[in-house]
Amino acid sequence: FESHFTVERTLGSGEFSEAFAARFKDDKRLYAVKRTKFPYAGLRDRQRQLNEVEILWRIGQHPHCICLVDAWEQMGHLYLQMELCSGGSLKEHMDAQCANDKLAETEIWDMFADMVAGLKHIHDLGILHLDLKPANVLLDDNGRLRIGDFGLAVMEPLSRDIEREGDREYIAPEILDGKYGRPADVFSLGLIVLEMAANVVLPDNGLPWRKLRNGDLSDCDFTGTSTLLVTCIRHMLNPVPSKRPTVTDLTDKLQKACSV
């Protein structure tokens, strides 16, 4: 890594990995390079981490998914070289833009459409993300959204011993019962859109957390939000996974919304 890249700044650091904006010496371009913080704990841990590489290669190039450029192992650490999204994360964007007021609904629809397009591509490939949240959605150079961080993603058909649990703020209720499926991603997407539309801070436990997972949105202020958008959010947050819309259903709804 050190012989081929010049690190210009740190993009972020989590419990298990860190990311840098690094300039590749061969083409002089800036890339995002993600590196695991700790060496592999064993063969099973290595295989689990390489799963993200396999999924990213399968996703390939898509305007609303992050693109993997290269991947390698060095001294027991995994490195992922990806395109750099200069706009930062959706979480950072929301923190900056929603401090005093909600996002404009036109912007919410645009961002919603970007995420649905990315998630449809992912689901069409038989991949579940299982960790959708604003911190894992990035803004590219044109301000469009790209879904990233596939560290918890899995491929269908699902194995029986699957164990994945993302942030509690965005997790679907059935995941806590060990039930995984595409509707879980739709639920997480619904919470992201709810967060933008109602300008709320999502709870991570307690009664407010349970109310959201029981379809009770009475704590949310939808003043000024269109009935169409609120209806979409309610459908995505249906407590029954089979009653949630698929990403194909959402694509159809978005096309109708754009024609209104």
C-alpha atoms as a PDB file:
ATOM      1  CA  PHE A   1       0.000   0.000   0.000  1.00  0.00           C
ATOM      2  CA  GLU A   2       2.639   2.496   1.089  1.00  0.00           C
ATOM      3  CA  SER A   3       4.729   1.973  -2.052  1.00  0.00           C
ATOM      4  CA  HIS A   4       1.827   2.630  -4.463  1.00  0.00           C
ATOM      5  CA  PHE A   5      -0.257   5.250  -2.648  1.00  0.00           C
ATOM      6  CA  THR A   6       0.195   8.593  -0.917  1.00  0.00           C
ATOM      7  CA  VAL A   7      -2.353   9.121   1.840  1.00  0.00           C
ATOM      8  CA  GLU A   8      -3.801  12.629   1.739  1.00  0.00           C
ATOM      9  CA  ARG A   9      -6.415  12.449   4.509  1.00  0.00           C
ATOM     10  CA  THR A  10      -8.450  10.110   6.677  1.00  0.00           C
ATOM     11  CA  LEU A  11     -12.021   9.652   5.520  1.00  0.00           C
ATOM     12  CA  GLY A  12     -13.259   7.786   8.568  1.00  0.00           C
ATOM     13  CA  SER A  13     -12.486   5.208  11.188  1.00  0.00           C
ATOM     14  CA  GLY A  14     -14.751   2.562  12.676  1.00  0.00           C
ATOM     15  CA  GLU A  15     -14.422  -0.331  15.081  1.00  0.00           C
ATOM     16  CA  PHE A  16     -13.027  -2.734  12.506  1.00  0.00           C
ATOM     17  CA  SER A  17     -11.741  -0.651   9.601  1.00  0.00           C
ATOM     18  CA  GLU A  18     -10.468   2.751   8.520  1.00  0.00           C
ATOM     19  CA  ALA A  19     -10.631   4.582   5.211  1.00  0.00           C
ATOM     20  CA  PHE A  20      -8.293   7.053   3.537  1.00  0.00           C
ATOM     21  CA  ALA A  21      -8.282   9.350   0.549  1.00  0.00           C
ATOM     22  CA  ALA A  22      -5.111   8.156  -1.146  1.00  0.00           C
ATOM     23  CA  ARG A  23      -3.475   9.150  -4.428  1.00  0.00           C
ATOM     24  CA  PHE A  24      -2.420   6.254  -6.646  1.00  0.00           C
ATOM     25  CA  LYS A  25       1.108   6.951  -7.842  1.00  0.00           C
ATOM     26  CA  ASP A  26       0.559   5.293 -11.249  1.00  0.00           C
ATOM     27  CA  ASP A  27      -2.372   7.402 -12.497  1.00  0.00           C
ATOM     28  CA  LYS A  28      -2.179  10.292  -9.977  1.00  0.00           C
ATOM     29  CA  ARG A  29      -5.887   9.901  -9.161  1.00  0.00           C
ATOM     30  CA  LEU A  30      -7.472  10.001  -5.725  1.00  0.00           C
ATOM     31  CA  TYR A  31      -9.200   6.864  -4.468  1.00  0.00           C
ATOM     32  CA  ALA A  32     -10.853   5.737  -1.273  1.00  0.00           C
ATOM     33  CA  VAL A  33      -8.834   2.935   0.311  1.00  0.00           C
ATOM     34  CA  LYS A  34     -10.455   0.942   3.109  1.00  0.00           C
ATOM     35  CA  ARG A  35      -8.191  -1.113   5.370  1.00  0.00           C
ATOM     36  CA  THR A  36      -9.105  -3.520   8.135  1.00  0.00           C
ATOM     37  CA  LYS A  37      -7.705  -2.442  11.502  1.00  0.00           C
ATOM     38  CA  PHE A  38      -6.794  -5.882  12.735  1.00  0.00           C
ATOM     39  CA  PRO A  39      -5.165  -8.904  11.079  1.00  0.00           C
ATOM     40  CA  TYR A  40      -7.375 -11.887  10.299  1.00  0.00           C
ATOM     41  CA  ALA A  41      -8.380 -13.789  13.414  1.00  0.00           C
ATOM     42  CA  GLY A  42      -8.317 -17.052  11.469  1.00  0.00           C
ATOM     43  CA  LEU A  43      -9.462 -18.719   8.273  1.00  0.00           C
ATOM     44  CA  ARG A  44     -13.153 -18.156   8.988  1.00  0.00           C
ATOM     45  CA  ASP A  45     -12.602 -14.461   9.653  1.00  0.00           C
ATOM     46  CA  ARG A  46     -10.597 -14.152   6.441  1.00  0.00           C
ATOM     47  CA  GLN A  47     -13.353 -15.807   4.419  1.00  0.00           C
ATOM     48  CA  ARG A  48     -15.969 -13.543   5.986  1.00  0.00           C
ATOM     49  CA  GLN A  49     -14.010 -10.437   5.021  1.00  0.00           C
ATOM     50  CA  LEU A  50     -13.275 -11.682   1.515  1.00  0.00           C
ATOM     51  CA  ASN A  51     -17.022 -12.099   1.099  1.00  0.00           C
ATOM     52  CA  GLU A  52     -17.273  -8.312   0.754  1.00  0.00           C
ATOM     53  CA  VAL A  53     -14.745  -8.378  -2.085  1.00  0.00           C
ATOM     54  CA  GLU A  54     -16.701 -11.069  -3.929  1.00  0.00           C
ATOM     55  CA  ILE A  55     -19.922  -9.096  -3.536  1.00  0.00           C
ATOM     56  CA  LEU A  56     -18.356  -5.848  -4.745  1.00  0.00           C
ATOM     57  CA  TRP A  57     -16.935  -7.559  -7.841  1.00  0.00           C
ATOM     58  CA  ARG A  58     -20.379  -8.999  -8.545  1.00  0.00           C
ATOM     59  CA  ILE A  59     -22.003  -5.570  -8.218  1.00  0.00           C
ATOM     60  CA  GLY A  60     -19.570  -4.148 -10.757  1.00  0.00           C
ATOM     61  CA  GLN A  61     -20.195  -0.666 -12.110  1.00  0.00           C
ATOM     62  CA  HIS A  62     -23.540   0.964 -11.372  1.00  0.00           C
ATOM     63  CA  PRO A  63     -24.325   4.681 -11.041  1.00  0.00           C
ATOM     64  CA  HIS A  64     -25.850   4.196  -7.581  1.00  0.00           C
ATOM     65  CA  CYS A  65     -23.470   1.658  -6.031  1.00  0.00           C
ATOM     66  CA  ILE A  66     -19.876   2.168  -4.993  1.00  0.00           C
ATOM     67  CA  CYS A  67     -17.387   0.688  -7.449  1.00  0.00           C
ATOM     68  CA  LEU A  68     -14.474  -1.537  -6.428  1.00  0.00           C
ATOM     69  CA  VAL A  69     -11.257  -0.835  -8.356  1.00  0.00           C
ATOM     70  CA  ASP A  70      -8.891  -3.328  -6.725  1.00  0.00           C
ATOM     71  CA  ALA A  71      -8.458  -5.436  -3.601  1.00  0.00           C
ATOM     72  CA  TRP A  72      -5.472  -7.112  -1.986  1.00  0.00           C
ATOM     73  CA  GLU A  73      -4.153  -8.602   1.229  1.00  0.00           C
ATOM     74  CA  GLN A  74      -1.097  -7.301   3.040  1.00  0.00           C
ATOM     75  CA  MET A  75       0.294  -8.602   6.333  1.00  0.00           C
ATOM     76  CA  GLY A  76      -3.038 -10.161   7.269  1.00  0.00           C
ATOM     77  CA  HIS A  77      -5.023  -7.001   6.490  1.00  0.00           C
ATOM     78  CA  LEU A  78      -7.564  -6.586   3.693  1.00  0.00           C
ATOM     79  CA  TYR A  79      -7.376  -3.486   1.479  1.00  0.00           C
ATOM     80  CA  LEU A  80     -10.182  -2.276  -0.789  1.00  0.00           C
ATOM     81  CA  GLN A  81      -9.451   0.391  -3.399  1.00  0.00           C
ATOM     82  CA  MET A  82     -12.669   2.125  -4.454  1.00  0.00           C
ATOM     83  CA  GLU A  83     -13.752   5.202  -6.323  1.00  0.00           C
ATOM     84  CA  LEU A  84     -13.728   8.277  -4.100  1.00  0.00           C
ATOM     85  CA  CYS A  85     -17.084   9.958  -3.486  1.00  0.00           C
ATOM     86  CA  SER A  86     -16.104  13.548  -2.773  1.00  0.00           C
ATOM     87  CA  GLY A  87     -19.476  14.565  -1.351  1.00  0.00           C
ATOM     88  CA  GLY A  88     -19.067  12.550   1.836  1.00  0.00           C
ATOM     89  CA  SER A  89     -21.821  10.451   3.361  1.00  0.00           C
ATOM     90  CA  LEU A  90     -25.565  11.011   3.391  1.00  0.00           C
ATOM     91  CA  LYS A  91     -25.311  11.178   7.179  1.00  0.00           C
ATOM     92  CA  GLU A  92     -22.918  14.109   6.947  1.00  0.00           C
ATOM     93  CA  HIS A  93     -25.174  15.778   4.391  1.00  0.00           C
ATOM     94  CA  MET A  94     -28.237  15.347   6.604  1.00  0.00           C
ATOM     95  CA  ASP A  95     -26.402  16.579   9.705  1.00  0.00           C
ATOM     96  CA  ALA A  96     -25.391  19.736   7.846  1.00  0.00           C
ATOM     97  CA  GLN A  97     -28.627  20.421   5.962  1.00  0.00           C
ATOM     98  CA  CYS A  98     -31.217  19.340   8.539  1.00  0.00           C
ATOM     99  CA  ALA A  99     -29.904  21.219  11.570  1.00  0.00           C
ATOM    100  CA  ASN A 100     -32.765  23.728  11.470  1.00  0.00           C
ATOM    101  CA  ASP A 101     -35.284  22.409   8.964  1.00  0.00           C
ATOM    102  CA  LYS A 102     -36.285  19.449   6.818  1.00  0.00           C
ATOM    103  CA  LEU A 103     -34.828  18.759   3.412  1.00  0.00           C
ATOM    104  CA  ALA A 104     -36.924  19.987   0.510  1.00  0.00           C
ATOM    105  CA  GLU A 105     -39.241  17.207  -0.621  1.00  0.00           C
ATOM    106  CA  THR A 106     -37.944  17.385  -4.182  1.00  0.00           C
ATOM    107  CA  GLU A 107     -34.470  16.569  -2.861  1.00  0.00           C
ATOM    108  CA  ILE A 108     -35.877  13.712  -0.777  1.00  0.00           C
ATOM    109  CA  TRP A 109     -37.564  12.200  -3.840  1.00  0.00           C
ATOM    110  CA  ASP A 110     -34.317  12.479  -5.816  1.00  0.00           C
ATOM    111  CA  MET A 111     -32.313  10.782  -3.067  1.00  0.00           C
ATOM    112  CA  PHE A 112     -35.020   8.173  -2.570  1.00  0.00           C
ATOM    113  CA  ALA A 113     -34.901   7.366  -6.290  1.00  0.00           C
ATOM    114  CA  ASP A 114     -31.101   7.019  -6.245  1.00  0.00           C
ATOM    115  CA  MET A 115     -31.208   4.595  -3.309  1.00  0.00           C
ATOM    116  CA  VAL A 116     -34.028   2.548  -4.834  1.00  0.00           C
ATOM    117  CA  ALA A 117     -32.087   2.262  -8.109  1.00  0.00           C
ATOM    118  CA  GLY A 118     -28.978   1.107  -6.261  1.00  0.00           C
ATOM    119  CA  LEU A 119     -30.890  -1.326  -4.076  1.00  0.00           C
ATOM    120  CA  LYS A 120     -32.755  -2.751  -7.089  1.00  0.00           C
ATOM    121  CA  HIS A 121     -29.429  -3.498  -8.772  1.00  0.00           C
ATOM    122  CA  ILE A 122     -28.214  -5.185  -5.596  1.00  0.00           C
ATOM    123  CA  HIS A 123     -31.366  -7.278  -5.140  1.00  0.00           C
ATOM    124  CA  ASP A 124     -31.487  -8.213  -8.829  1.00  0.00           C
ATOM    125  CA  LEU A 125     -28.057  -9.784  -8.328  1.00  0.00           C
ATOM    126  CA  GLY A 126     -29.347 -11.830  -5.387  1.00  0.00           C
ATOM    127  CA  ILE A 127     -27.513  -9.753  -2.777  1.00  0.00           C
ATOM    128  CA  LEU A 128     -28.868  -8.460   0.541  1.00  0.00           C
ATOM    129  CA  HIS A 129     -27.129  -5.388   1.972  1.00  0.00           C
ATOM    130  CA  LEU A 130     -28.380  -5.727   5.582  1.00  0.00           C
ATOM    131  CA  ASP A 131     -26.693  -2.534   6.792  1.00  0.00           C
ATOM    132  CA  LEU A 132     -28.414   0.319   4.964  1.00  0.00           C
ATOM    133  CA  LYS A 133     -28.029   3.590   6.833  1.00  0.00           C
ATOM    134  CA  PRO A 134     -27.039   7.167   5.936  1.00  0.00           C
ATOM    135  CA  ALA A 135     -23.410   6.584   6.945  1.00  0.00           C
ATOM    136  CA  ASN A 136     -23.199   3.838   4.295  1.00  0.00           C
ATOM    137  CA  VAL A 137     -24.657   5.938   1.478  1.00  0.00           C
ATOM    138  CA  LEU A 138     -22.229   8.291  -0.277  1.00  0.00           C
ATOM    139  CA  LEU A 139     -22.572  11.382  -2.453  1.00  0.00           C
ATOM    140  CA  ASP A 140     -20.512  11.314  -5.633  1.00  0.00           C
ATOM    141  CA  ASP A 141     -18.966  14.263  -7.463  1.00  0.00           C
ATOM    142  CA  ASN A 142     -22.355  15.097  -9.024  1.00  0.00           C
ATOM    143  CA  GLY A 143     -24.284  14.918  -5.759  1.00  0.00           C
ATOM    144  CA  ARG A 144     -25.929  11.596  -6.640  1.00  0.00           C
ATOM    145  CA  LEU A 145     -26.175   8.837  -4.068  1.00  0.00           C
ATOM    146  CA  ARG A 146     -24.236   5.574  -4.139  1.00  0.00           C
ATOM    147  CA  ILE A 147     -24.777   2.679  -1.761  1.00  0.00           C
ATOM    148  CA  GLY A 148     -21.542   1.522  -0.123  1.00  0.00           C
ATOM    149  CA  ASP A 149     -20.089  -0.606   2.687  1.00  0.00           C
ATOM    150  CA  PHE A 150     -21.045  -4.194   1.941  1.00  0.00           C
ATOM    151  CA  GLY A 151     -19.317  -5.626   4.999  1.00  0.00           C
ATOM    152  CA  LEU A 152     -22.532  -7.298   6.258  1.00  0.00           C
ATOM    153  CA  ALA A 153     -23.956  -8.151   2.843  1.00  0.00           C
ATOM    154  CA  VAL A 154     -24.811 -11.730   1.911  1.00  0.00           C
ATOM    155  CA  MET A 155     -25.679 -13.566  -1.293  1.00  0.00           C
ATOM    156  CA  GLU A 156     -28.718 -15.698  -1.927  1.00  0.00           C
ATOM    157  CA  PRO A 157     -29.439 -18.510  -1.319  1.00  0.00           C
ATOM    158  CA  LEU A 158     -28.871 -17.743   2.341  1.00  0.00           C
ATOM    159  CA  SER A 159     -27.079 -20.208   4.578  1.00  0.00           C
ATOM    160  CA  ARG A 160     -28.762 -21.394   7.764  1.00  0.00           C
ATOM    161  CA  ASP A 161     -25.973 -20.157  10.025  1.00  0.00           C
ATOM    162  CA  ILE A 162     -26.136 -16.537   8.837  1.00  0.00           C
ATOM    163  CA  GLU A 163     -25.606 -13.976  11.607  1.00  0.00           C
ATOM    164  CA  ARG A 164     -25.845 -10.308  10.630  1.00  0.00           C
ATOM    165  CA  GLU A 165     -27.017  -7.360  12.680  1.00  0.00           C
ATOM    166  CA  GLY A 166     -26.500  -3.747  11.626  1.00  0.00           C
ATOM    167  CA  ASP A 167     -27.162  -0.601  13.629  1.00  0.00           C
ATOM    168  CA  ARG A 168     -30.271  -0.882  15.784  1.00  0.00           C
ATOM    169  CA  GLU A 169     -31.532   2.499  14.582  1.00  0.00           C
ATOM    170  CA  TYR A 170     -32.062   1.097  11.071  1.00  0.00           C
ATOM    171  CA  ILE A 171     -32.574  -2.612  11.657  1.00  0.00           C
ATOM    172  CA  ALA A 172     -35.744  -4.414  10.572  1.00  0.00           C
ATOM    173  CA  PRO A 173     -37.624  -6.134  13.411  1.00  0.00           C
ATOM    174  CA  GLU A 174     -37.459  -9.615  11.863  1.00  0.00           C
ATOM    175  CA  ILE A 175     -33.649  -9.548  11.863  1.00  0.00           C
ATOM    176  CA  LEU A 176     -33.695  -9.808  15.650  1.00  0.00           C
ATOM    177  CA  ASP A 177     -35.565 -13.108  15.204  1.00  0.00           C
ATOM    178  CA  GLY A 178     -32.956 -14.368  12.746  1.00  0.00           C
ATOM    179  CA  LYS A 179     -35.213 -13.914   9.705  1.00  0.00           C
ATOM    180  CA  TYR A 180     -33.300 -12.424   6.763  1.00  0.00           C
ATOM    181  CA  GLY A 181     -34.617 -11.352   3.409  1.00  0.00           C
ATOM    182  CA  ARG A 182     -34.957  -8.524   0.904  1.00  0.00           C
ATOM    183  CA  PRO A 183     -37.791  -6.877   2.896  1.00  0.00           C
ATOM    184  CA  ALA A 184     -35.257  -6.106   5.652  1.00  0.00           C
ATOM    185  CA  ASP A 185     -33.373  -3.790   3.269  1.00  0.00           C
ATOM    186  CA  VAL A 186     -36.659  -2.117   2.286  1.00  0.00           C
ATOM    187  CA  PHE A 187     -37.441  -1.491   5.961  1.00  0.00           C
ATOM    188  CA  SER A 188     -34.037   0.123   6.520  1.00  0.00           C
ATOM    189  CA  LEU A 189     -34.542   2.257   3.419  1.00  0.00           C
ATOM    190  CA  GLY A 190     -37.918   3.329   4.774  1.00  0.00           C
ATOM    191  CA  LEU A 191     -36.292   4.506   7.989  1.00  0.00           C
ATOM    192  CA  ILE A 192     -33.745   6.562   6.049  1.00  0.00           C
ATOM    193  CA  VAL A 193     -36.529   8.265   4.077  1.00  0.00           C
ATOM    194  CA  LEU A 194     -38.528   8.772   7.294  1.00  0.00           C
ATOM    195  CA  GLU A 195     -35.504  10.402   8.887  1.00  0.00           C
ATOM    196  CA  MET A 196     -35.242  12.845   5.992  1.00  0.00           C
ATOM    197  CA  ALA A 197     -38.975  13.535   5.608  1.00  0.00           C
ATOM    198  CA  ALA A 198     -39.804  14.047   9.291  1.00  0.00           C
ATOM    199  CA  ASN A 199     -36.357  15.343  10.305  1.00  0.00           C
ATOM    200  CA  VAL A 200     -36.215  12.995  13.284  1.00  0.00           C
ATOM    201  CA  VAL A 201     -33.383  11.359  15.177  1.00  0.00           C
ATOM    202  CA  LEU A 202     -34.096   7.642  15.097  1.00  0.00           C
ATOM    203  CA  PRO A 203     -34.169   5.882  18.489  1.00  0.00           C
ATOM    204  CA  ASP A 204     -31.997   2.841  19.174  1.00  0.00           C
ATOM    205  CA  ASN A 205     -34.123   1.355  21.960  1.00  0.00           C
ATOM    206  CA  GLY A 206     -37.120   1.888  24.200  1.00  0.00           C
ATOM    207  CA  LEU A 207     -40.765   2.602  23.426  1.00  0.00           C
ATOM    208  CA  PRO A 208     -40.095   4.942  20.442  1.00  0.00           C
ATOM    209  CA  TRP A 209     -37.955   2.196  18.838  1.00  0.00           C
ATOM    210  CA  ARG A 210     -40.699  -0.401  19.322  1.00  0.00           C
ATOM    211  CA  LYS A 211     -43.407   1.936  18.005  1.00  0.00           C
ATOM    212  CA  LEU A 212     -41.576   2.383  14.700  1.00  0.00           C
ATOM    213  CA  ARG A 213     -41.342  -1.404  14.331  1.00  0.00           C
ATOM    214  CA  ASN A 214     -45.036  -1.792  15.031  1.00  0.00           C
ATOM    215  CA  GLY A 215     -46.024   0.598  12.258  1.00  0.00           C
ATOM    216  CA  ASP A 216     -46.792   3.421  14.695  1.00  0.00           C
ATOM    217  CA  LEU A 217     -45.480   6.718  13.266  1.00  0.00           C
ATOM    218  CA  SER A 218     -47.463   8.938  15.635  1.00  0.00           C
ATOM    219  CA  ASP A 219     -44.279  10.514  17.012  1.00  0.00           C
ATOM    220  CA  CYS A 220     -43.287  11.787  13.550  1.00  0.00           C
ATOM    221  CA  ASP A 221     -44.190  15.235  12.248  1.00  0.00           C
ATOM    222  CA  PHE A 222     -45.174  15.026   8.589  1.00  0.00           C
ATOM    223  CA  THR A 223     -46.321  18.630   8.337  1.00  0.00           C
ATOM    224  CA  GLY A 224     -45.733  19.821   4.780  1.00  0.00           C
ATOM    225  CA  THR A 225     -44.930  16.318   3.530  1.00  0.00           C
ATOM    226  CA  SER A 226     -46.997  14.992   0.629  1.00  0.00           C
ATOM    227  CA  THR A 227     -49.467  12.173   1.193  1.00  0.00           C
ATOM    228  CA  LEU A 228     -47.705  10.163  -1.510  1.00  0.00           C
ATOM    229  CA  LEU A 229     -44.352  10.242   0.279  1.00  0.00           C
ATOM    230  CA  VAL A 230     -45.889   9.464   3.684  1.00  0.00           C
ATOM    231  CA  THR A 231     -47.757   6.520   2.146  1.00  0.00           C
ATOM    232  CA  CYS A 232     -44.519   5.160   0.657  1.00  0.00           C
ATOM    233  CA  ILE A 233     -42.812   5.403   4.040  1.00  0.00           C
ATOM    234  CA  ARG A 234     -45.695   3.646   5.819  1.00  0.00           C
ATOM    235  CA  HIS A 235     -45.651   0.804   3.297  1.00  0.00           C
ATOM    236  CA  MET A 236     -41.890   0.299   3.639  1.00  0.00           C
ATOM    237  CA  LEU A 237     -42.193   0.226   7.444  1.00  0.00           C
ATOM    238  CA  ASN A 238     -44.949  -2.364   7.541  1.00  0.00           C
ATOM    239  CA  PRO A 239     -44.147  -4.716  10.465  1.00  0.00           C
ATOM    240  CA  VAL A 240     -44.977  -7.724   8.269  1.00  0.00           C
ATOM    241  CA  PRO A 241     -42.087  -8.297   5.817  1.00  0.00           C
ATOM    242  CA  SER A 242     -44.291  -9.875   3.132  1.00  0.00           C
ATOM    243  CA  LYS A 243     -46.513  -6.783   3.048  1.00  0.00           C
ATOM    244  CA  ARG A 244     -43.682  -4.363   2.289  1.00  0.00           C
ATOM    245  CA  PRO A 245     -43.160  -3.251  -1.310  1.00  0.00           C
ATOM    246  CA  THR A 246     -40.311  -4.743  -3.301  1.00  0.00           C
ATOM    247  CA  VAL A 247     -37.759  -2.443  -4.904  1.00  0.00           C
ATOM    248  CA  THR A 248     -39.544  -3.071  -8.206  1.00  0.00           C
ATOM    249  CA  ASP A 249     -42.781  -1.843  -6.610  1.00  0.00           C
ATOM    250  CA  LEU A 250     -40.938   1.231  -5.337  1.00  0.00           C
ATOM    251  CA  THR A 251     -39.491   1.900  -8.783  1.00  0.00           C
ATOM    252  CA  ASP A 252     -43.028   1.935 -10.193  1.00  0.00           C
ATOM    253  CA  LYS A 253     -44.207   4.277  -7.421  1.00  0.00           C
ATOM    254  CA  LEU A 254     -41.317   6.651  -8.107  1.00  0.00           C
ATOM    255  CA  GLN A 255     -42.123   6.742 -11.805  1.00  0.00           C
ATOM    256  CA  LYS A 256     -45.730   7.633 -10.975  1.00  0.00           C
ATOM    257  CA  ALA A 257     -44.571  10.291  -8.528  1.00  0.00           C
ATOM    258  CA  CYS A 258     -42.371  11.876 -11.184  1.00  0.00           C
ATOM    259  CA  SER A 259     -45.303  11.997 -13.609  1.00  0.00           C
ATOM    260  CA  VAL A 260     -47.578  13.799 -11.143  1.00  0.00           C
END
